Amino acid sequence: GAAKTRNLLASDNLAAPTTGKVKLRVAHFI
């Protein structure tokens, strides 16, 4: 939309998941 290259900052919660689980998130840059 702006015809530009930009940067986006995201903070990452890297606390361990519950034992036996997976932690997953999604970033939308299409």
All heavy atoms as atom14 arrays in JSON, in Angstrom:
{
  "sequence": "GAAKTRNLLASDNLAAPTTGKVKLRVAHFI",
  "atom14_mask": [
    [1, 1, 1, 1, 0, 0, 0, 0, 0, 0, 0, 0, 0, 0],
    [1, 1, 1, 1, 1, 0, 0, 0, 0, 0, 0, 0, 0, 0],
    [1, 1, 1, 1, 1, 0, 0, 0, 0, 0, 0, 0, 0, 0],
    [1, 1, 1, 1, 1, 1, 1, 1, 1, 0, 0, 0, 0, 0],
    [1, 1, 1, 1, 1, 1, 1, 0, 0, 0, 0, 0, 0, 0],
    [1, 1, 1, 1, 1, 1, 1, 1, 1, 1, 1, 0, 0, 0],
    [1, 1, 1, 1, 1, 1, 1, 1, 0, 0, 0, 0, 0, 0],
    [1, 1, 1, 1, 1, 1, 1, 1, 0, 0, 0, 0, 0, 0],
    [1, 1, 1, 1, 1, 1, 1, 1, 0, 0, 0, 0, 0, 0],
    [1, 1, 1, 1, 1, 0, 0, 0, 0, 0, 0, 0, 0, 0],
    [1, 1, 1, 1, 1, 1, 0, 0, 0, 0, 0, 0, 0, 0],
    [1, 1, 1, 1, 1, 1, 1, 1, 0, 0, 0, 0, 0, 0],
    [1, 1, 1, 1, 1, 1, 1, 1, 0, 0, 0, 0, 0, 0],
    [1, 1, 1, 1, 1, 1, 1, 1, 0, 0, 0, 0, 0, 0],
    [1, 1, 1, 1, 1, 0, 0, 0, 0, 0, 0, 0, 0, 0],
    [1, 1, 1, 1, 1, 0, 0, 0, 0, 0, 0, 0, 0, 0],
    [1, 1, 1, 1, 1, 1, 1, 0, 0, 0, 0, 0, 0, 0],
    [1, 1, 1, 1, 1, 1, 1, 0, 0, 0, 0, 0, 0, 0],
    [1, 1, 1, 1, 1, 1, 1, 0, 0, 0, 0, 0, 0, 0],
    [1, 1, 1, 1, 0, 0, 0, 0, 0, 0, 0, 0, 0, 0],
    [1, 1, 1, 1, 1, 1, 1, 1, 1, 0, 0, 0, 0, 0],
    [1, 1, 1, 1, 1, 1, 1, 0, 0, 0, 0, 0, 0, 0],
    [1, 1, 1, 1, 1, 1, 1, 1, 1, 0, 0, 0, 0, 0],
    [1, 1, 1, 1, 1, 1, 1, 1, 0, 0, 0, 0, 0, 0],
    [1, 1, 1, 1, 1, 1, 1, 1, 1, 1, 1, 0, 0, 0],
    [1, 1, 1, 1, 1, 1, 1, 0, 0, 0, 0, 0, 0, 0],
    [1, 1, 1, 1, 1, 0, 0, 0, 0, 0, 0, 0, 0, 0],
    [1, 1, 1, 1, 1, 1, 1, 1, 1, 1, 0, 0, 0, 0],
    [1, 1, 1, 1, 1, 1, 1, 1, 1, 1, 1, 0, 0, 0],
    [1, 1, 1, 1, 1, 1, 1, 1, 0, 0, 0, 0, 0, 0]
  ],
  "atom14_positions": [
    [[0.81, -1.21, 0.0], [0.0, 0.0, 0.0], [0.84, 1.26, 0.0], [0.51, 2.25, -0.65], [0.0, 0.0, 0.0], [0.0, 0.0, 0.0], [0.0, 0.0, 0.0], [0.0, 0.0, 0.0], [0.0, 0.0, 0.0], [0.0, 0.0, 0.0], [0.0, 0.0, 0.0], [0.0, 0.0, 0.0], [0.0, 0.0, 0.0], [0.0, 0.0, 0.0]],
    [[1.95, 1.22, 0.73], [2.84, 2.38, 0.8], [4.0, 2.27, -0.19], [4.82, 3.18, -0.28], [3.4, 2.53, 2.21], [0.0, 0.0, 0.0], [0.0, 0.0, 0.0], [0.0, 0.0, 0.0], [0.0, 0.0, 0.0], [0.0, 0.0, 0.0], [0.0, 0.0, 0.0], [0.0, 0.0, 0.0], [0.0, 0.0, 0.0], [0.0, 0.0, 0.0]],
    [[4.06, 1.14, -0.9], [5.15, 0.89, -1.85], [6.51, 1.05, -1.18], [7.43, 1.66, -1.73], [5.03, 1.81, -3.06], [0.0, 0.0, 0.0], [0.0, 0.0, 0.0], [0.0, 0.0, 0.0], [0.0, 0.0, 0.0], [0.0, 0.0, 0.0], [0.0, 0.0, 0.0], [0.0, 0.0, 0.0], [0.0, 0.0, 0.0], [0.0, 0.0, 0.0]],
    [[6.63, 0.49, 0.01], [7.88, 0.62, 0.76], [8.23, -0.7, 1.44], [7.37, -1.55, 1.67], [7.74, 1.7, 1.85], [7.62, 3.12, 1.33], [7.59, 4.11, 2.47], [8.92, 4.16, 3.22], [8.92, 5.23, 4.24], [0.0, 0.0, 0.0], [0.0, 0.0, 0.0], [0.0, 0.0, 0.0], [0.0, 0.0, 0.0], [0.0, 0.0, 0.0]],
    [[9.51, -0.83, 1.76], [9.96, -1.91, 2.62], [10.0, -1.39, 4.04], [10.54, -0.3, 4.3], [11.36, -2.4, 2.19], [11.29, -2.89, 0.85], [11.84, -3.52, 3.1], [0.0, 0.0, 0.0], [0.0, 0.0, 0.0], [0.0, 0.0, 0.0], [0.0, 0.0, 0.0], [0.0, 0.0, 0.0], [0.0, 0.0, 0.0], [0.0, 0.0, 0.0]],
    [[9.42, -2.13, 4.94], [9.34, -1.68, 6.32], [9.82, -2.78, 7.27], [9.97, -3.94, 6.87], [7.9, -1.3, 6.69], [7.3, -0.15, 5.88], [5.9, 0.16, 6.39], [5.24, 1.22, 5.65], [5.37, 2.51, 5.87], [6.19, 2.92, 6.82], [4.71, 3.4, 5.16], [0.0, 0.0, 0.0], [0.0, 0.0, 0.0], [0.0, 0.0, 0.0]],
    [[10.02, -2.39, 8.53], [10.34, -3.34, 9.59], [9.22, -3.35, 10.62], [8.63, -2.3, 10.92], [11.65, -2.97, 10.29], [12.85, -3.11, 9.39], [12.99, -4.11, 8.7], [13.71, -2.12, 9.37], [0.0, 0.0, 0.0], [0.0, 0.0, 0.0], [0.0, 0.0, 0.0], [0.0, 0.0, 0.0], [0.0, 0.0, 0.0], [0.0, 0.0, 0.0]],
    [[8.95, -4.52, 11.16], [7.96, -4.65, 12.24], [8.61, -5.36, 13.41], [9.27, -6.4, 13.23], [6.73, -5.42, 11.76], [5.6, -5.55, 12.78], [4.24, -5.38, 12.11], [5.65, -6.91, 13.5], [0.0, 0.0, 0.0], [0.0, 0.0, 0.0], [0.0, 0.0, 0.0], [0.0, 0.0, 0.0], [0.0, 0.0, 0.0], [0.0, 0.0, 0.0]],
    [[8.43, -4.81, 14.6], [9.01, -5.37, 15.82], [7.96, -6.16, 16.57], [6.85, -5.68, 16.8], [9.53, -4.24, 16.71], [10.13, -4.65, 18.05], [11.49, -5.3, 17.85], [10.25, -3.43, 18.98], [0.0, 0.0, 0.0], [0.0, 0.0, 0.0], [0.0, 0.0, 0.0], [0.0, 0.0, 0.0], [0.0, 0.0, 0.0], [0.0, 0.0, 0.0]],
    [[8.3, -7.39, 16.96], [7.4, -8.22, 17.77], [8.19, -8.76, 18.95], [9.33, -9.21, 18.79], [6.83, -9.37, 16.95], [0.0, 0.0, 0.0], [0.0, 0.0, 0.0], [0.0, 0.0, 0.0], [0.0, 0.0, 0.0], [0.0, 0.0, 0.0], [0.0, 0.0, 0.0], [0.0, 0.0, 0.0], [0.0, 0.0, 0.0], [0.0, 0.0, 0.0]],
    [[7.61, -8.68, 20.14], [8.26, -9.29, 21.31], [7.88, -10.76, 21.36], [6.76, -11.15, 21.03], [7.85, -8.58, 22.59], [6.46, -8.62, 22.77], [0.0, 0.0, 0.0], [0.0, 0.0, 0.0], [0.0, 0.0, 0.0], [0.0, 0.0, 0.0], [0.0, 0.0, 0.0], [0.0, 0.0, 0.0], [0.0, 0.0, 0.0], [0.0, 0.0, 0.0]],
    [[8.83, -11.6, 21.76], [8.68, -13.05, 21.7], [8.69, -13.65, 23.1], [9.71, -13.58, 23.8], [9.82, -13.67, 20.88], [9.85, -13.17, 19.44], [8.93, -12.43, 19.05], [10.8, -13.52, 18.72], [0.0, 0.0, 0.0], [0.0, 0.0, 0.0], [0.0, 0.0, 0.0], [0.0, 0.0, 0.0], [0.0, 0.0, 0.0], [0.0, 0.0, 0.0]],
    [[7.59, -14.23, 23.49], [7.5, -14.92, 24.78], [8.05, -16.33, 24.6], [7.35, -17.22, 24.1], [6.05, -14.94, 25.26], [5.89, -15.72, 26.55], [6.86, -16.16, 27.16], [4.65, -15.93, 26.96], [0.0, 0.0, 0.0], [0.0, 0.0, 0.0], [0.0, 0.0, 0.0], [0.0, 0.0, 0.0], [0.0, 0.0, 0.0], [0.0, 0.0, 0.0]],
    [[9.28, -16.52, 25.04], [9.92, -17.82, 24.84], [9.92, -18.68, 26.1], [10.74, -19.59, 26.24], [11.36, -17.62, 24.34], [11.5, -16.87, 23.0], [12.95, -16.87, 22.54], [10.59, -17.48, 21.94], [0.0, 0.0, 0.0], [0.0, 0.0, 0.0], [0.0, 0.0, 0.0], [0.0, 0.0, 0.0], [0.0, 0.0, 0.0], [0.0, 0.0, 0.0]],
    [[8.96, -18.41, 26.99], [8.78, -19.32, 28.12], [8.39, -20.69, 27.59], [7.64, -20.81, 26.61], [7.7, -18.79, 29.05], [0.0, 0.0, 0.0], [0.0, 0.0, 0.0], [0.0, 0.0, 0.0], [0.0, 0.0, 0.0], [0.0, 0.0, 0.0], [0.0, 0.0, 0.0], [0.0, 0.0, 0.0], [0.0, 0.0, 0.0], [0.0, 0.0, 0.0]],
    [[8.92, -21.72, 28.2], [8.69, -23.09, 27.72], [7.2, -23.42, 27.72], [6.45, -22.99, 28.62], [9.45, -24.08, 28.58], [0.0, 0.0, 0.0], [0.0, 0.0, 0.0], [0.0, 0.0, 0.0], [0.0, 0.0, 0.0], [0.0, 0.0, 0.0], [0.0, 0.0, 0.0], [0.0, 0.0, 0.0], [0.0, 0.0, 0.0], [0.0, 0.0, 0.0]],
    [[6.75, -24.19, 26.72], [5.35, -24.62, 26.73], [5.09, -25.63, 27.84], [6.03, -26.18, 28.43], [5.19, -25.26, 25.35], [6.57, -25.7, 24.97], [7.5, -24.7, 25.57], [0.0, 0.0, 0.0], [0.0, 0.0, 0.0], [0.0, 0.0, 0.0], [0.0, 0.0, 0.0], [0.0, 0.0, 0.0], [0.0, 0.0, 0.0], [0.0, 0.0, 0.0]],
    [[3.83, -25.87, 28.1], [3.47, -26.95, 29.01], [4.11, -28.25, 28.51], [4.14, -28.51, 27.31], [1.94, -27.11, 29.06], [1.37, -25.86, 29.47], [1.53, -28.21, 30.02], [0.0, 0.0, 0.0], [0.0, 0.0, 0.0], [0.0, 0.0, 0.0], [0.0, 0.0, 0.0], [0.0, 0.0, 0.0], [0.0, 0.0, 0.0], [0.0, 0.0, 0.0]],
    [[4.62, -29.04, 29.42], [5.31, -30.27, 29.03], [4.43, -31.11, 28.11], [3.26, -31.37, 28.4], [5.69, -31.09, 30.28], [6.54, -30.29, 31.11], [6.44, -32.36, 29.88], [0.0, 0.0, 0.0], [0.0, 0.0, 0.0], [0.0, 0.0, 0.0], [0.0, 0.0, 0.0], [0.0, 0.0, 0.0], [0.0, 0.0, 0.0], [0.0, 0.0, 0.0]],
    [[5.01, -31.52, 26.98], [4.28, -32.33, 26.03], [3.46, -31.55, 25.03], [2.82, -32.13, 24.15], [0.0, 0.0, 0.0], [0.0, 0.0, 0.0], [0.0, 0.0, 0.0], [0.0, 0.0, 0.0], [0.0, 0.0, 0.0], [0.0, 0.0, 0.0], [0.0, 0.0, 0.0], [0.0, 0.0, 0.0], [0.0, 0.0, 0.0], [0.0, 0.0, 0.0]],
    [[3.49, -30.2, 25.11], [2.74, -29.35, 24.19], [3.69, -28.61, 23.24], [4.91, -28.62, 23.4], [1.9, -28.34, 24.96], [0.75, -28.95, 25.76], [-0.37, -29.42, 24.84], [-1.6, -29.83, 25.63], [-2.72, -30.24, 24.74], [0.0, 0.0, 0.0], [0.0, 0.0, 0.0], [0.0, 0.0, 0.0], [0.0, 0.0, 0.0], [0.0, 0.0, 0.0]],
    [[3.09, -27.94, 22.26], [3.81, -27.1, 21.3], [3.31, -25.67, 21.46], [2.1, -25.46, 21.63], [3.53, -27.57, 19.84], [4.1, -26.59, 18.83], [4.07, -28.97, 19.61], [0.0, 0.0, 0.0], [0.0, 0.0, 0.0], [0.0, 0.0, 0.0], [0.0, 0.0, 0.0], [0.0, 0.0, 0.0], [0.0, 0.0, 0.0], [0.0, 0.0, 0.0]],
    [[4.22, -24.69, 21.42], [3.81, -23.29, 21.35], [3.95, -22.83, 19.91], [4.98, -23.03, 19.27], [4.68, -22.42, 22.26], [4.2, -22.38, 23.7], [5.09, -21.55, 24.59], [5.06, -20.09, 24.26], [5.79, -19.26, 25.27], [0.0, 0.0, 0.0], [0.0, 0.0, 0.0], [0.0, 0.0, 0.0], [0.0, 0.0, 0.0], [0.0, 0.0, 0.0]],
    [[2.88, -22.19, 19.4], [2.84, -21.79, 17.99], [2.18, -20.42, 17.86], [1.2, -20.12, 18.54], [2.03, -22.82, 17.18], [1.78, -22.49, 15.7], [3.07, -22.56, 14.89], [0.73, -23.44, 15.12], [0.0, 0.0, 0.0], [0.0, 0.0, 0.0], [0.0, 0.0, 0.0], [0.0, 0.0, 0.0], [0.0, 0.0, 0.0], [0.0, 0.0, 0.0]],
    [[2.73, -19.61, 16.96], [2.09, -18.35, 16.58], [2.22, -18.18, 15.07], [2.97, -18.91, 14.41], [2.72, -17.15, 17.3], [4.14, -16.87, 16.85], [4.7, -15.62, 17.49], [6.09, -15.43, 17.08], [6.85, -14.41, 17.45], [6.35, -13.47, 18.25], [8.1, -14.31, 17.04], [0.0, 0.0, 0.0], [0.0, 0.0, 0.0], [0.0, 0.0, 0.0]],
    [[1.5, -17.19, 14.53], [1.51, -16.95, 13.09], [1.8, -15.47, 12.83], [1.28, -14.59, 13.52], [0.16, -17.34, 12.45], [0.16, -17.01, 10.95], [-0.13, -18.81, 12.65], [0.0, 0.0, 0.0], [0.0, 0.0, 0.0], [0.0, 0.0, 0.0], [0.0, 0.0, 0.0], [0.0, 0.0, 0.0], [0.0, 0.0, 0.0], [0.0, 0.0, 0.0]],
    [[2.63, -15.22, 11.84], [2.91, -13.86, 11.37], [2.41, -13.74, 9.93], [2.74, -14.56, 9.09], [4.4, -13.58, 11.44], [0.0, 0.0, 0.0], [0.0, 0.0, 0.0], [0.0, 0.0, 0.0], [0.0, 0.0, 0.0], [0.0, 0.0, 0.0], [0.0, 0.0, 0.0], [0.0, 0.0, 0.0], [0.0, 0.0, 0.0], [0.0, 0.0, 0.0]],
    [[1.6, -12.71, 9.65], [0.96, -12.55, 8.35], [1.67, -11.45, 7.55], [1.51, -10.26, 7.83], [-0.51, -12.19, 8.57], [-1.31, -11.95, 7.32], [-0.78, -11.93, 6.03], [-2.65, -11.7, 7.15], [-1.73, -11.68, 5.15], [-2.87, -11.54, 5.8], [0.0, 0.0, 0.0], [0.0, 0.0, 0.0], [0.0, 0.0, 0.0], [0.0, 0.0, 0.0]],
    [[2.46, -11.87, 6.56], [3.18, -10.92, 5.71], [2.98, -11.23, 4.23], [3.88, -11.03, 3.42], [4.67, -10.91, 6.06], [4.95, -10.33, 7.41], [5.31, -11.13, 8.48], [4.83, -8.96, 7.63], [5.56, -10.6, 9.73], [5.07, -8.41, 8.89], [5.44, -9.23, 9.94], [0.0, 0.0, 0.0], [0.0, 0.0, 0.0], [0.0, 0.0, 0.0]],
    [[1.78, -11.73, 3.88], [1.46, -11.91, 2.46], [1.06, -10.54, 1.92], [0.02, -9.99, 2.24], [0.33, -12.93, 2.27], [0.79, -14.3, 2.79], [-0.06, -13.03, 0.8], [-0.26, -15.38, 2.68], [0.0, 0.0, 0.0], [0.0, 0.0, 0.0], [0.0, 0.0, 0.0], [0.0, 0.0, 0.0], [0.0, 0.0, 0.0], [0.0, 0.0, 0.0]]
  ]
}
